[in-house]
Protein backbone atom coordinates (compact mmCIF):
# COMPACT_ATOMS: atom_id res chain seq x y z
CA MET A 1 -126.54 -99.95 -29.96
CA LYS A 2 -129.99 -100.72 -28.65
CA ILE A 3 -130.83 -100.43 -24.98
CA LEU A 4 -134.02 -101.46 -23.24
CA LEU A 5 -134.86 -99.29 -20.23
CA ASP A 6 -137.55 -99.63 -17.60
CA VAL A 7 -138.79 -96.20 -16.47
CA LYS A 8 -141.41 -95.60 -13.79
CA ASN A 9 -144.68 -94.37 -15.29
CA GLU A 10 -144.63 -91.13 -13.34
CA LYS A 11 -141.17 -90.28 -14.73
CA ALA A 12 -141.68 -91.53 -18.29
CA GLU A 13 -142.93 -88.27 -19.80
CA LEU A 14 -140.00 -86.27 -18.41
CA PHE A 15 -137.55 -88.94 -19.51
CA MET A 16 -138.97 -88.97 -23.06
CA LYS A 17 -138.73 -85.16 -23.23
CA MET A 18 -135.05 -85.42 -22.31
CA LEU A 19 -134.44 -88.06 -24.96
CA ARG A 20 -136.11 -85.98 -27.66
CA LYS A 21 -133.56 -83.21 -27.02
CA LEU A 22 -130.64 -85.49 -27.86
CA PRO A 23 -130.15 -85.51 -31.65
CA TYR A 24 -128.18 -88.78 -31.64
CA ILE A 25 -130.92 -90.83 -29.96
CA LYS A 26 -133.93 -92.32 -31.74
CA PHE A 27 -136.58 -94.08 -29.69
CA LYS A 28 -140.08 -95.39 -29.78
CA PRO A 29 -142.15 -96.63 -26.87
CA LEU A 30 -142.91 -100.35 -26.87
CA LEU A 31 -146.35 -101.89 -26.60
CA PRO A 32 -147.18 -104.53 -23.99
CA ILE A 33 -147.03 -107.25 -26.67
CA HIS A 34 -143.43 -106.24 -27.40
CA PHE A 35 -142.51 -106.87 -23.77
CA LYS A 36 -144.17 -110.29 -23.85
CA ILE A 37 -142.26 -111.23 -27.00
CA LEU A 38 -138.97 -109.99 -25.53
CA ASP A 39 -139.51 -111.88 -22.28
CA ASP A 40 -140.33 -115.07 -24.21
CA ALA A 41 -137.26 -114.65 -26.43
CA ILE A 42 -135.02 -114.19 -23.38
CA ASP A 43 -136.47 -117.36 -21.82
CA ILE A 44 -135.80 -119.27 -25.06
CA VAL A 45 -132.18 -118.10 -25.22
CA ASP A 46 -131.71 -119.03 -21.55
CA ASP A 47 -133.11 -122.51 -22.26
CA ILE A 48 -130.82 -122.94 -25.28
CA GLU A 49 -127.80 -122.06 -23.14
CA LEU A 50 -128.87 -124.63 -20.53
CA ILE A 51 -129.32 -127.28 -23.24
CA GLU A 52 -125.87 -126.55 -24.64
CA GLN A 53 -124.40 -126.88 -21.13
CA GLY A 54 -126.19 -130.20 -20.66
CA LYS A 55 -128.25 -128.83 -17.76
CA LEU A 56 -131.59 -129.13 -19.55
CA GLU A 57 -132.79 -132.05 -21.61
CA THR A 58 -134.56 -131.73 -24.92
CA ARG A 59 -137.62 -133.71 -25.89
CA ASP A 60 -138.93 -135.31 -29.01
CA ALA A 61 -140.79 -133.01 -31.42
CA LYS A 62 -143.71 -135.44 -31.68
CA GLU A 63 -144.07 -135.46 -27.88
CA PHE A 64 -144.11 -131.66 -27.91
CA LEU A 65 -146.70 -131.48 -30.70
CA ASP A 66 -148.91 -134.07 -28.98
CA GLU A 67 -148.80 -132.02 -25.79
CA LEU A 68 -149.44 -128.82 -27.70
CA LEU A 69 -152.45 -130.31 -29.43
CA CYS A 70 -153.63 -132.03 -26.23
CA GLN A 71 -153.89 -135.28 -28.16
CA ASN A 72 -151.46 -137.68 -26.54
CA ASP A 73 -152.66 -140.64 -28.59
CA ALA A 74 -153.19 -138.77 -31.87
CA LYS A 75 -150.81 -139.17 -34.76
CA VAL A 76 -149.30 -135.97 -36.08
């Protein structure tokens, strides 16, 4: 099982020392980019659930690409 924990900075070192003493736990600290990716993935899953429930509408892929490329009149 994987668990994501949020530990205050001032307690992180002590907490990591405790974890190292437990032979059945492996861990590695995450980088800020990992948190950004996780947050984005959670948002995507939330959106998919809303779409499946009919509470959020989808949009055309071309419309999305035009917006992404900032070229509303361009052909993709």
